[in-house]
Amino acid sequence: MRGVLDISLVVPVYNEEESLEELCDWIHQVMELNGFQYELLFVDDGSTDESWDVIIKLVARNTAVRGIRLSRNYGKSAALSVGFDHALGEIIFTMDADLQDDPEEIPSIYEMMISENFDLISGWKKKRKDPLTKTIPSKFFNWTTRMISGIDLHDFNCGFKAYRADVVKQISIYGEMHRYIPVIAKWSGFSHIGEKSVKHHPRKYGVTKFGFERFIRGFLDLLSITFVSKFKKRPMHFFGSMGILSFFGGFVITLWIIAQKMYYLWVLNRPAPRDVVDQPLFFLALVALVVGVQLFLAGFISELITQSASQSRDYVLREKVGF
């Protein structure tokens, strides 16, 4: 038995005025053919072309279409987060606005979600219609993410994904974290993750909005989300452990230096060959002790921040239509 809204489609938009009407009609045709109750949310991420005007026209023409406009370009993660906040569907799909994702895949993915009770299903652009400058770095990026996250997906960065509503309502994405939603979901307890090969079309209008720098930022974000997911609620476990190791190492070196000094004075009855302050080990011990104390303090401060901090959105909605 389907709910009031079976599907919400969240589509981030950034300077895609040529493709929006065609995409809207394509999605509507698929939804009507399969009898889905749906909503289509276009999130304009600060477009500088006529994308917002096109969205307004689509809202007036189709009651299932909604439009949200951000005050400036915040990035895909912010656009998706806004869409997730406003989505009302049982299953929430995300797809790009450039017509490279194929809406014909929606019914089969929806049936997989319902019949096999997946938390999320990620699309896999098995036959990708992109240049080698995008596909080769992407393969390395996906391999690295698989190794670190333990999630066996071929294409983490595919924008075509489906989620149960409770998944996206309970996770938080920011920065460039949209490509790591499966990782965030898994580490939040939503571990039933599937994958489906999907059609991928060549870009029909405009040019890609992503350059090579996204892979550098993506790798840094992967390290960030790995650390945050594991130690967000217990930062003292990380900083405290490092502090103990550093302090203990400095303490052992200090004991060794003192014992060596006493050995020369009390057993051999002569001064040590070098003064304590002339030994490199002395400075190594001093640095290790100071760093250990600082890491402990960092852990305590992080614990206090964790207990008192509250989540806040760092983007501004400028306008909404169709709600």
C-alpha atoms as a PDB file:
ATOM      1  CA  MET A   1       0.000   0.000   0.000  1.00  0.00           C
ATOM      2  CA  ARG A   2       1.619   3.240  -1.127  1.00  0.00           C
ATOM      3  CA  GLY A   3       1.611   6.325   1.058  1.00  0.00           C
ATOM      4  CA  VAL A   4       0.312   9.773   0.235  1.00  0.00           C
ATOM      5  CA  LEU A   5       3.589  10.526  -1.512  1.00  0.00           C
ATOM      6  CA  ASP A   6       5.524   7.541  -2.789  1.00  0.00           C
ATOM      7  CA  ILE A   7       8.499   9.479  -4.089  1.00  0.00           C
ATOM      8  CA  SER A   8      10.239  12.812  -3.602  1.00  0.00           C
ATOM      9  CA  LEU A   9      12.832  13.759  -6.193  1.00  0.00           C
ATOM     10  CA  VAL A  10      15.449  16.269  -5.052  1.00  0.00           C
ATOM     11  CA  VAL A  11      17.296  17.898  -7.947  1.00  0.00           C
ATOM     12  CA  PRO A  12      20.081  20.435  -7.208  1.00  0.00           C
ATOM     13  CA  VAL A  13      20.267  23.079  -9.936  1.00  0.00           C
ATOM     14  CA  TYR A  14      23.162  25.319 -10.846  1.00  0.00           C
ATOM     15  CA  ASN A  15      22.966  27.060 -14.230  1.00  0.00           C
ATOM     16  CA  GLU A  16      20.945  24.338 -15.993  1.00  0.00           C
ATOM     17  CA  GLU A  17      18.239  26.460 -17.628  1.00  0.00           C
ATOM     18  CA  GLU A  18      18.291  24.504 -20.920  1.00  0.00           C
ATOM     19  CA  SER A  19      17.624  21.091 -19.414  1.00  0.00           C
ATOM     20  CA  LEU A  20      15.042  21.754 -16.677  1.00  0.00           C
ATOM     21  CA  GLU A  21      11.864  21.665 -18.758  1.00  0.00           C
ATOM     22  CA  GLU A  22      12.906  18.505 -20.588  1.00  0.00           C
ATOM     23  CA  LEU A  23      13.874  16.826 -17.329  1.00  0.00           C
ATOM     24  CA  CYS A  24      10.582  17.802 -15.670  1.00  0.00           C
ATOM     25  CA  ASP A  25       8.533  16.407 -18.554  1.00  0.00           C
ATOM     26  CA  TRP A  26      10.589  13.202 -18.601  1.00  0.00           C
ATOM     27  CA  ILE A  27      10.132  12.630 -14.880  1.00  0.00           C
ATOM     28  CA  HIS A  28       6.402  13.400 -15.053  1.00  0.00           C
ATOM     29  CA  GLN A  29       5.951  10.895 -17.873  1.00  0.00           C
ATOM     30  CA  VAL A  30       7.672   8.141 -15.859  1.00  0.00           C
ATOM     31  CA  MET A  31       5.698   8.951 -12.701  1.00  0.00           C
ATOM     32  CA  GLU A  32       2.354   8.993 -14.517  1.00  0.00           C
ATOM     33  CA  LEU A  33       3.086   5.775 -16.374  1.00  0.00           C
ATOM     34  CA  ASN A  34       3.835   3.936 -13.119  1.00  0.00           C
ATOM     35  CA  GLY A  35       1.090   5.532 -11.020  1.00  0.00           C
ATOM     36  CA  PHE A  36       3.385   7.130  -8.458  1.00  0.00           C
ATOM     37  CA  GLN A  37       2.283   9.964  -6.210  1.00  0.00           C
ATOM     38  CA  TYR A  38       5.337  12.214  -6.271  1.00  0.00           C
ATOM     39  CA  GLU A  39       6.843  15.630  -5.788  1.00  0.00           C
ATOM     40  CA  LEU A  40       9.745  17.144  -7.696  1.00  0.00           C
ATOM     41  CA  LEU A  41      11.884  19.592  -5.721  1.00  0.00           C
ATOM     42  CA  PHE A  42      14.240  21.793  -7.712  1.00  0.00           C
ATOM     43  CA  VAL A  43      16.797  23.454  -5.422  1.00  0.00           C
ATOM     44  CA  ASP A  44      18.402  26.408  -7.185  1.00  0.00           C
ATOM     45  CA  ASP A  45      21.893  26.687  -5.719  1.00  0.00           C
ATOM     46  CA  GLY A  46      22.501  30.323  -6.603  1.00  0.00           C
ATOM     47  CA  SER A  47      22.244  30.025 -10.394  1.00  0.00           C
ATOM     48  CA  THR A  48      23.337  33.062 -12.389  1.00  0.00           C
ATOM     49  CA  ASP A  49      21.353  32.170 -15.528  1.00  0.00           C
ATOM     50  CA  GLU A  50      17.573  31.920 -15.979  1.00  0.00           C
ATOM     51  CA  SER A  51      17.196  28.627 -14.077  1.00  0.00           C
ATOM     52  CA  TRP A  52      14.971  30.125 -11.353  1.00  0.00           C
ATOM     53  CA  ASP A  53      12.620  31.690 -13.878  1.00  0.00           C
ATOM     54  CA  VAL A  54      12.281  28.321 -15.597  1.00  0.00           C
ATOM     55  CA  ILE A  55      11.534  26.654 -12.248  1.00  0.00           C
ATOM     56  CA  ILE A  56       8.778  29.196 -11.524  1.00  0.00           C
ATOM     57  CA  LYS A  57       7.171  28.400 -14.890  1.00  0.00           C
ATOM     58  CA  LEU A  58       7.360  24.662 -14.189  1.00  0.00           C
ATOM     59  CA  VAL A  59       5.738  25.131 -10.766  1.00  0.00           C
ATOM     60  CA  ALA A  60       2.860  27.024 -12.368  1.00  0.00           C
ATOM     61  CA  ARG A  61       2.401  24.275 -14.954  1.00  0.00           C
ATOM     62  CA  ASN A  62       2.757  21.175 -12.744  1.00  0.00           C
ATOM     63  CA  THR A  63       1.348  20.951  -9.199  1.00  0.00           C
ATOM     64  CA  ALA A  64       3.898  18.272  -8.276  1.00  0.00           C
ATOM     65  CA  VAL A  65       6.825  20.647  -8.818  1.00  0.00           C
ATOM     66  CA  ARG A  66       8.273  22.771  -6.016  1.00  0.00           C
ATOM     67  CA  GLY A  67      11.106  25.266  -6.149  1.00  0.00           C
ATOM     68  CA  ILE A  68      13.590  26.385  -3.518  1.00  0.00           C
ATOM     69  CA  ARG A  69      16.121  29.121  -4.144  1.00  0.00           C
ATOM     70  CA  LEU A  70      19.263  29.620  -2.073  1.00  0.00           C
ATOM     71  CA  SER A  71      20.643  33.120  -1.593  1.00  0.00           C
ATOM     72  CA  ARG A  72      23.935  32.194  -3.265  1.00  0.00           C
ATOM     73  CA  ASN A  73      25.942  29.213  -4.479  1.00  0.00           C
ATOM     74  CA  TYR A  74      26.594  27.104  -1.376  1.00  0.00           C
ATOM     75  CA  GLY A  75      27.426  23.823  -3.115  1.00  0.00           C
ATOM     76  CA  LYS A  76      25.677  20.563  -3.826  1.00  0.00           C
ATOM     77  CA  SER A  77      25.671  19.354  -0.218  1.00  0.00           C
ATOM     78  CA  ALA A  78      23.733  22.411   0.959  1.00  0.00           C
ATOM     79  CA  ALA A  79      21.247  22.067  -1.916  1.00  0.00           C
ATOM     80  CA  LEU A  80      20.641  18.404  -1.101  1.00  0.00           C
ATOM     81  CA  SER A  81      20.311  19.134   2.604  1.00  0.00           C
ATOM     82  CA  VAL A  82      17.632  21.777   1.917  1.00  0.00           C
ATOM     83  CA  GLY A  83      15.800  19.357  -0.365  1.00  0.00           C
ATOM     84  CA  PHE A  84      15.912  16.597   2.243  1.00  0.00           C
ATOM     85  CA  ASP A  85      14.481  18.953   4.863  1.00  0.00           C
ATOM     86  CA  HIS A  86      11.473  19.746   2.656  1.00  0.00           C
ATOM     87  CA  ALA A  87      10.893  16.315   1.085  1.00  0.00           C
ATOM     88  CA  LEU A  88       7.708  14.489   2.098  1.00  0.00           C
ATOM     89  CA  GLY A  89       8.012  11.254   0.142  1.00  0.00           C
ATOM     90  CA  GLU A  90       8.403   7.730   1.492  1.00  0.00           C
ATOM     91  CA  ILE A  91      11.424   7.207  -0.760  1.00  0.00           C
ATOM     92  CA  ILE A  92      13.641  10.170  -1.646  1.00  0.00           C
ATOM     93  CA  PHE A  93      15.557  10.153  -4.919  1.00  0.00           C
ATOM     94  CA  THR A  94      18.386  12.482  -5.841  1.00  0.00           C
ATOM     95  CA  MET A  95      19.510  13.105  -9.392  1.00  0.00           C
ATOM     96  CA  ASP A  96      21.413  15.721 -11.366  1.00  0.00           C
ATOM     97  CA  ALA A  97      19.692  18.316 -13.509  1.00  0.00           C
ATOM     98  CA  ASP A  98      21.899  17.855 -16.584  1.00  0.00           C
ATOM     99  CA  LEU A  99      19.876  14.979 -18.153  1.00  0.00           C
ATOM    100  CA  GLN A 100      22.742  12.520 -17.706  1.00  0.00           C
ATOM    101  CA  ASP A 101      20.728  10.525 -15.139  1.00  0.00           C
ATOM    102  CA  ASP A 102      17.850   8.501 -16.559  1.00  0.00           C
ATOM    103  CA  PRO A 103      14.442   8.805 -14.806  1.00  0.00           C
ATOM    104  CA  GLU A 104      13.417   5.500 -16.431  1.00  0.00           C
ATOM    105  CA  GLU A 105      15.488   3.803 -13.715  1.00  0.00           C
ATOM    106  CA  ILE A 106      13.274   5.140 -10.917  1.00  0.00           C
ATOM    107  CA  PRO A 107      10.548   2.421 -10.910  1.00  0.00           C
ATOM    108  CA  SER A 108      12.995  -0.494 -10.681  1.00  0.00           C
ATOM    109  CA  ILE A 109      15.012   1.172  -7.932  1.00  0.00           C
ATOM    110  CA  TYR A 110      11.824   1.988  -6.038  1.00  0.00           C
ATOM    111  CA  GLU A 111      10.722  -1.653  -6.185  1.00  0.00           C
ATOM    112  CA  MET A 112      14.167  -2.737  -4.922  1.00  0.00           C
ATOM    113  CA  MET A 113      13.901  -0.324  -2.013  1.00  0.00           C
ATOM    114  CA  ILE A 114      10.456  -1.585  -1.016  1.00  0.00           C
ATOM    115  CA  SER A 115      10.843  -5.317  -1.681  1.00  0.00           C
ATOM    116  CA  GLU A 116      14.314  -5.721  -0.148  1.00  0.00           C
ATOM    117  CA  ASN A 117      13.943  -3.047   2.534  1.00  0.00           C
ATOM    118  CA  PHE A 118      17.128  -1.181   1.634  1.00  0.00           C
ATOM    119  CA  ASP A 119      18.115   1.922   3.577  1.00  0.00           C
ATOM    120  CA  LEU A 120      19.595   3.385   0.428  1.00  0.00           C
ATOM    121  CA  ILE A 121      20.504   2.342  -3.087  1.00  0.00           C
ATOM    122  CA  SER A 122      23.310   4.012  -4.984  1.00  0.00           C
ATOM    123  CA  GLY A 123      23.390   4.217  -8.748  1.00  0.00           C
ATOM    124  CA  TRP A 124      26.413   2.866 -10.598  1.00  0.00           C
ATOM    125  CA  LYS A 125      27.311   4.524 -13.888  1.00  0.00           C
ATOM    126  CA  LYS A 126      28.814   1.303 -15.245  1.00  0.00           C
ATOM    127  CA  LYS A 127      29.054   2.666 -18.786  1.00  0.00           C
ATOM    128  CA  ARG A 128      29.932   6.233 -18.031  1.00  0.00           C
ATOM    129  CA  LYS A 129      29.602   8.885 -20.752  1.00  0.00           C
ATOM    130  CA  ASP A 130      32.308  11.203 -19.454  1.00  0.00           C
ATOM    131  CA  PRO A 131      35.869  12.012 -20.587  1.00  0.00           C
ATOM    132  CA  LEU A 132      38.885  10.136 -19.214  1.00  0.00           C
ATOM    133  CA  THR A 133      39.868  13.205 -17.196  1.00  0.00           C
ATOM    134  CA  LYS A 134      36.823  12.478 -15.015  1.00  0.00           C
ATOM    135  CA  THR A 135      36.578   8.683 -15.169  1.00  0.00           C
ATOM    136  CA  ILE A 136      40.188   7.760 -14.243  1.00  0.00           C
ATOM    137  CA  PRO A 137      40.431   9.982 -11.114  1.00  0.00           C
ATOM    138  CA  SER A 138      36.927   8.826 -10.180  1.00  0.00           C
ATOM    139  CA  LYS A 139      37.989   5.161 -10.224  1.00  0.00           C
ATOM    140  CA  PHE A 140      40.881   5.898  -7.874  1.00  0.00           C
ATOM    141  CA  PHE A 141      38.625   7.990  -5.625  1.00  0.00           C
ATOM    142  CA  ASN A 142      36.033   5.199  -5.420  1.00  0.00           C
ATOM    143  CA  TRP A 143      38.680   2.572  -4.696  1.00  0.00           C
ATOM    144  CA  THR A 144      40.104   4.674  -1.845  1.00  0.00           C
ATOM    145  CA  THR A 145      36.659   5.264  -0.371  1.00  0.00           C
ATOM    146  CA  ARG A 146      35.841   1.531  -0.525  1.00  0.00           C
ATOM    147  CA  MET A 147      39.056   0.682   1.322  1.00  0.00           C
ATOM    148  CA  ILE A 148      38.487   3.229   4.094  1.00  0.00           C
ATOM    149  CA  SER A 149      34.726   2.864   4.533  1.00  0.00           C
ATOM    150  CA  GLY A 150      34.328  -0.876   3.946  1.00  0.00           C
ATOM    151  CA  ILE A 151      31.277  -0.193   1.742  1.00  0.00           C
ATOM    152  CA  ASP A 152      31.351  -2.184  -1.488  1.00  0.00           C
ATOM    153  CA  LEU A 153      30.071   0.440  -3.936  1.00  0.00           C
ATOM    154  CA  HIS A 154      31.533   1.119  -7.358  1.00  0.00           C
ATOM    155  CA  ASP A 155      30.410   4.739  -7.680  1.00  0.00           C
ATOM    156  CA  PHE A 156      30.107   6.805  -4.512  1.00  0.00           C
ATOM    157  CA  ASN A 157      29.892  10.038  -6.477  1.00  0.00           C
ATOM    158  CA  CYS A 158      26.898   9.044  -8.609  1.00  0.00           C
ATOM    159  CA  GLY A 159      24.200  11.652  -8.048  1.00  0.00           C
ATOM    160  CA  PHE A 160      21.439   9.137  -8.765  1.00  0.00           C
ATOM    161  CA  LYS A 161      20.544   7.608  -5.394  1.00  0.00           C
ATOM    162  CA  ALA A 162      17.455   6.554  -3.456  1.00  0.00           C
ATOM    163  CA  TYR A 163      16.977   6.801   0.307  1.00  0.00           C
ATOM    164  CA  ARG A 164      14.373   5.932   2.856  1.00  0.00           C
ATOM    165  CA  ALA A 165      13.058   9.151   4.344  1.00  0.00           C
ATOM    166  CA  ASP A 166      14.245   8.322   7.860  1.00  0.00           C
ATOM    167  CA  VAL A 167      17.833   8.013   6.598  1.00  0.00           C
ATOM    168  CA  VAL A 168      18.164  11.519   5.157  1.00  0.00           C
ATOM    169  CA  LYS A 169      16.120  13.064   7.974  1.00  0.00           C
ATOM    170  CA  GLN A 170      18.567  11.811  10.597  1.00  0.00           C
ATOM    171  CA  ILE A 171      21.951  12.504   9.018  1.00  0.00           C
ATOM    172  CA  SER A 172      23.667  15.820   8.437  1.00  0.00           C
ATOM    173  CA  ILE A 173      25.703  16.727   5.360  1.00  0.00           C
ATOM    174  CA  TYR A 174      27.795  19.834   4.804  1.00  0.00           C
ATOM    175  CA  GLY A 175      30.802  21.057   2.844  1.00  0.00           C
ATOM    176  CA  GLU A 176      31.388  18.528   0.049  1.00  0.00           C
ATOM    177  CA  MET A 177      30.027  15.570   2.014  1.00  0.00           C
ATOM    178  CA  HIS A 178      27.247  14.689  -0.469  1.00  0.00           C
ATOM    179  CA  ARG A 179      29.461  12.087  -2.138  1.00  0.00           C
ATOM    180  CA  TYR A 180      29.894  10.373   1.242  1.00  0.00           C
ATOM    181  CA  ILE A 181      26.240  10.025   2.195  1.00  0.00           C
ATOM    182  CA  PRO A 182      26.494   6.189   2.033  1.00  0.00           C
ATOM    183  CA  VAL A 183      29.478   6.377   4.421  1.00  0.00           C
ATOM    184  CA  ILE A 184      27.662   8.753   6.789  1.00  0.00           C
ATOM    185  CA  ALA A 185      24.543   6.579   6.639  1.00  0.00           C
ATOM    186  CA  LYS A 186      26.467   3.397   7.426  1.00  0.00           C
ATOM    187  CA  TRP A 187      28.258   4.931  10.391  1.00  0.00           C
ATOM    188  CA  SER A 188      24.884   6.244  11.611  1.00  0.00           C
ATOM    189  CA  GLY A 189      23.509   2.694  11.710  1.00  0.00           C
ATOM    190  CA  PHE A 190      21.845   2.499   8.270  1.00  0.00           C
ATOM    191  CA  SER A 191      23.935  -0.344   6.923  1.00  0.00           C
ATOM    192  CA  HIS A 192      21.566  -2.031   4.435  1.00  0.00           C
ATOM    193  CA  ILE A 193      23.061  -0.385   1.365  1.00  0.00           C
ATOM    194  CA  GLY A 194      22.504  -1.572  -2.179  1.00  0.00           C
ATOM    195  CA  GLU A 195      23.721  -0.690  -5.649  1.00  0.00           C
ATOM    196  CA  LYS A 196      22.182  -0.788  -9.093  1.00  0.00           C
ATOM    197  CA  SER A 197      23.717  -0.238 -12.497  1.00  0.00           C
ATOM    198  CA  VAL A 198      22.002   2.729 -14.158  1.00  0.00           C
ATOM    199  CA  LYS A 199      22.040   4.283 -17.613  1.00  0.00           C
ATOM    200  CA  HIS A 200      24.231   7.318 -18.043  1.00  0.00           C
ATOM    201  CA  HIS A 201      23.753   9.742 -20.913  1.00  0.00           C
ATOM    202  CA  PRO A 202      26.222  12.204 -22.434  1.00  0.00           C
ATOM    203  CA  ARG A 203      25.773  15.798 -21.315  1.00  0.00           C
ATOM    204  CA  LYS A 204      23.285  17.431 -23.662  1.00  0.00           C
ATOM    205  CA  TYR A 205      23.528  21.077 -22.615  1.00  0.00           C
ATOM    206  CA  GLY A 206      26.171  23.281 -21.038  1.00  0.00           C
ATOM    207  CA  VAL A 207      29.421  22.179 -19.421  1.00  0.00           C
ATOM    208  CA  THR A 208      30.304  20.282 -16.259  1.00  0.00           C
ATOM    209  CA  LYS A 209      30.412  22.336 -13.071  1.00  0.00           C
ATOM    210  CA  PHE A 210      33.129  20.210 -11.455  1.00  0.00           C
ATOM    211  CA  GLY A 211      36.866  20.348 -12.031  1.00  0.00           C
ATOM    212  CA  PHE A 212      39.827  18.276 -10.933  1.00  0.00           C
ATOM    213  CA  GLU A 213      40.006  20.129  -7.628  1.00  0.00           C
ATOM    214  CA  ARG A 214      36.897  18.261  -6.438  1.00  0.00           C
ATOM    215  CA  PHE A 215      38.975  15.086  -6.095  1.00  0.00           C
ATOM    216  CA  ILE A 216      41.456  16.843  -3.822  1.00  0.00           C
ATOM    217  CA  ARG A 217      38.634  18.270  -1.726  1.00  0.00           C
ATOM    218  CA  GLY A 218      36.920  14.885  -1.831  1.00  0.00           C
ATOM    219  CA  PHE A 219      39.951  13.107  -0.361  1.00  0.00           C
ATOM    220  CA  LEU A 220      40.259  15.692   2.413  1.00  0.00           C
ATOM    221  CA  ASP A 221      36.539  15.354   3.122  1.00  0.00           C
ATOM    222  CA  LEU A 222      36.922  11.573   3.333  1.00  0.00           C
ATOM    223  CA  LEU A 223      39.582  11.959   6.029  1.00  0.00           C
ATOM    224  CA  SER A 224      37.373  14.488   7.806  1.00  0.00           C
ATOM    225  CA  ILE A 225      34.226  12.380   7.765  1.00  0.00           C
ATOM    226  CA  THR A 226      36.201   9.305   8.887  1.00  0.00           C
ATOM    227  CA  PHE A 227      37.498  11.168  11.922  1.00  0.00           C
ATOM    228  CA  VAL A 228      34.208  12.922  12.746  1.00  0.00           C
ATOM    229  CA  SER A 229      32.125   9.751  12.407  1.00  0.00           C
ATOM    230  CA  LYS A 230      34.377   7.772  14.742  1.00  0.00           C
ATOM    231  CA  PHE A 231      35.196  10.406  17.353  1.00  0.00           C
ATOM    232  CA  LYS A 232      32.453  13.046  17.135  1.00  0.00           C
ATOM    233  CA  LYS A 233      30.829  11.961  20.411  1.00  0.00           C
ATOM    234  CA  ARG A 234      34.053  10.849  22.126  1.00  0.00           C
ATOM    235  CA  PRO A 235      36.912  13.152  21.093  1.00  0.00           C
ATOM    236  CA  MET A 236      38.742  12.381  24.333  1.00  0.00           C
ATOM    237  CA  HIS A 237      39.234   8.822  23.113  1.00  0.00           C
ATOM    238  CA  PHE A 238      41.317  10.127  20.206  1.00  0.00           C
ATOM    239  CA  PHE A 239      43.126  13.053  21.810  1.00  0.00           C
ATOM    240  CA  GLY A 240      43.485  11.267  25.144  1.00  0.00           C
ATOM    241  CA  SER A 241      45.015   8.165  23.560  1.00  0.00           C
ATOM    242  CA  MET A 242      47.489  10.260  21.586  1.00  0.00           C
ATOM    243  CA  GLY A 243      48.246  12.290  24.705  1.00  0.00           C
ATOM    244  CA  ILE A 244      48.920   9.171  26.783  1.00  0.00           C
ATOM    245  CA  LEU A 245      51.301   7.782  24.158  1.00  0.00           C
ATOM    246  CA  SER A 246      53.163  11.068  23.834  1.00  0.00           C
ATOM    247  CA  PHE A 247      53.364  11.731  27.580  1.00  0.00           C
ATOM    248  CA  PHE A 248      54.358   8.156  28.364  1.00  0.00           C
ATOM    249  CA  GLY A 249      57.101   8.250  25.707  1.00  0.00           C
ATOM    250  CA  GLY A 250      58.454  11.521  27.104  1.00  0.00           C
ATOM    251  CA  PHE A 251      58.282  10.159  30.654  1.00  0.00           C
ATOM    252  CA  VAL A 252      60.232   7.008  29.748  1.00  0.00           C
ATOM    253  CA  ILE A 253      62.926   9.045  27.976  1.00  0.00           C
ATOM    254  CA  THR A 254      63.156  11.340  31.008  1.00  0.00           C
ATOM    255  CA  LEU A 255      63.641   8.355  33.348  1.00  0.00           C
ATOM    256  CA  TRP A 256      66.336   7.010  31.034  1.00  0.00           C
ATOM    257  CA  ILE A 257      68.236  10.310  31.077  1.00  0.00           C
ATOM    258  CA  ILE A 258      67.991  10.541  34.896  1.00  0.00           C
ATOM    259  CA  ALA A 259      69.058   6.910  35.326  1.00  0.00           C
ATOM    260  CA  GLN A 260      72.042   7.435  33.009  1.00  0.00           C
ATOM    261  CA  LYS A 261      73.066  10.527  34.980  1.00  0.00           C
ATOM    262  CA  MET A 262      72.821   8.679  38.313  1.00  0.00           C
ATOM    263  CA  TYR A 263      74.758   5.709  36.928  1.00  0.00           C
ATOM    264  CA  TYR A 264      77.746   7.853  36.030  1.00  0.00           C
ATOM    265  CA  LEU A 265      77.679   9.772  39.320  1.00  0.00           C
ATOM    266  CA  TRP A 266      76.983   6.962  41.797  1.00  0.00           C
ATOM    267  CA  VAL A 267      78.361   3.832  40.138  1.00  0.00           C
ATOM    268  CA  LEU A 268      81.258   5.077  38.020  1.00  0.00           C
ATOM    269  CA  ASN A 269      81.990   8.022  40.330  1.00  0.00           C
ATOM    270  CA  ARG A 270      82.603  10.397  37.456  1.00  0.00           C
ATOM    271  CA  PRO A 271      80.554  12.988  35.545  1.00  0.00           C
ATOM    272  CA  ALA A 272      78.546  11.977  32.524  1.00  0.00           C
ATOM    273  CA  PRO A 273      80.243  12.613  29.142  1.00  0.00           C
ATOM    274  CA  ARG A 274      77.596  15.201  28.263  1.00  0.00           C
ATOM    275  CA  ASP A 275      75.329  17.446  30.259  1.00  0.00           C
ATOM    276  CA  VAL A 276      71.633  16.578  30.207  1.00  0.00           C
ATOM    277  CA  VAL A 277      70.770  19.689  28.197  1.00  0.00           C
ATOM    278  CA  ASP A 278      73.349  18.756  25.574  1.00  0.00           C
ATOM    279  CA  GLN A 279      71.557  15.494  24.716  1.00  0.00           C
ATOM    280  CA  PRO A 280      68.996  15.408  21.855  1.00  0.00           C
ATOM    281  CA  LEU A 281      66.943  12.961  23.941  1.00  0.00           C
ATOM    282  CA  PHE A 282      66.367  15.703  26.517  1.00  0.00           C
ATOM    283  CA  PHE A 283      64.611  17.926  23.996  1.00  0.00           C
ATOM    284  CA  LEU A 284      62.707  14.968  22.544  1.00  0.00           C
ATOM    285  CA  ALA A 285      61.419  14.109  26.011  1.00  0.00           C
ATOM    286  CA  LEU A 286      60.519  17.740  26.695  1.00  0.00           C
ATOM    287  CA  VAL A 287      58.542  18.039  23.450  1.00  0.00           C
ATOM    288  CA  ALA A 288      56.770  14.715  24.032  1.00  0.00           C
ATOM    289  CA  LEU A 289      55.699  15.730  27.553  1.00  0.00           C
ATOM    290  CA  VAL A 290      54.418  19.139  26.425  1.00  0.00           C
ATOM    291  CA  VAL A 291      52.569  17.669  23.428  1.00  0.00           C
ATOM    292  CA  GLY A 292      51.025  14.999  25.644  1.00  0.00           C
ATOM    293  CA  VAL A 293      49.649  17.612  28.043  1.00  0.00           C
ATOM    294  CA  GLN A 294      48.338  19.710  25.137  1.00  0.00           C
ATOM    295  CA  LEU A 295      46.558  16.726  23.611  1.00  0.00           C
ATOM    296  CA  PHE A 296      44.904  16.026  26.959  1.00  0.00           C
ATOM    297  CA  LEU A 297      43.723  19.623  27.133  1.00  0.00           C
ATOM    298  CA  ALA A 298      42.483  19.430  23.522  1.00  0.00           C
ATOM    299  CA  GLY A 299      40.503  16.320  24.460  1.00  0.00           C
ATOM    300  CA  PHE A 300      38.894  17.990  27.483  1.00  0.00           C
ATOM    301  CA  ILE A 301      38.009  21.110  25.519  1.00  0.00           C
ATOM    302  CA  SER A 302      36.577  19.004  22.676  1.00  0.00           C
ATOM    303  CA  GLU A 303      34.432  17.100  25.160  1.00  0.00           C
ATOM    304  CA  LEU A 304      33.061  20.385  26.540  1.00  0.00           C
ATOM    305  CA  ILE A 305      32.333  21.672  23.020  1.00  0.00           C
ATOM    306  CA  THR A 306      30.647  18.387  22.073  1.00  0.00           C
ATOM    307  CA  GLN A 307      28.368  18.585  25.095  1.00  0.00           C
ATOM    308  CA  SER A 308      27.303  22.181  24.458  1.00  0.00           C
ATOM    309  CA  ALA A 309      27.425  22.526  20.659  1.00  0.00           C
ATOM    310  CA  SER A 310      24.237  22.557  18.576  1.00  0.00           C
ATOM    311  CA  GLN A 311      23.811  21.839  14.875  1.00  0.00           C
ATOM    312  CA  SER A 312      23.135  24.922  12.755  1.00  0.00           C
ATOM    313  CA  ARG A 313      22.522  25.472   9.055  1.00  0.00           C
ATOM    314  CA  ASP A 314      25.007  27.746   7.310  1.00  0.00           C
ATOM    315  CA  TYR A 315      22.886  28.565   4.276  1.00  0.00           C
ATOM    316  CA  VAL A 316      20.071  31.050   3.655  1.00  0.00           C
ATOM    317  CA  LEU A 317      16.856  30.350   1.759  1.00  0.00           C
ATOM    318  CA  ARG A 318      15.909  33.234  -0.476  1.00  0.00           C
ATOM    319  CA  GLU A 319      12.608  32.066  -1.940  1.00  0.00           C
ATOM    320  CA  LYS A 320      10.225  29.084  -2.128  1.00  0.00           C
ATOM    321  CA  VAL A 321       7.444  28.362  -4.617  1.00  0.00           C
ATOM    322  CA  GLY A 322       4.909  25.575  -4.942  1.00  0.00           C
ATOM    323  CA  PHE A 323       4.622  24.771  -1.226  1.00  0.00           C
END
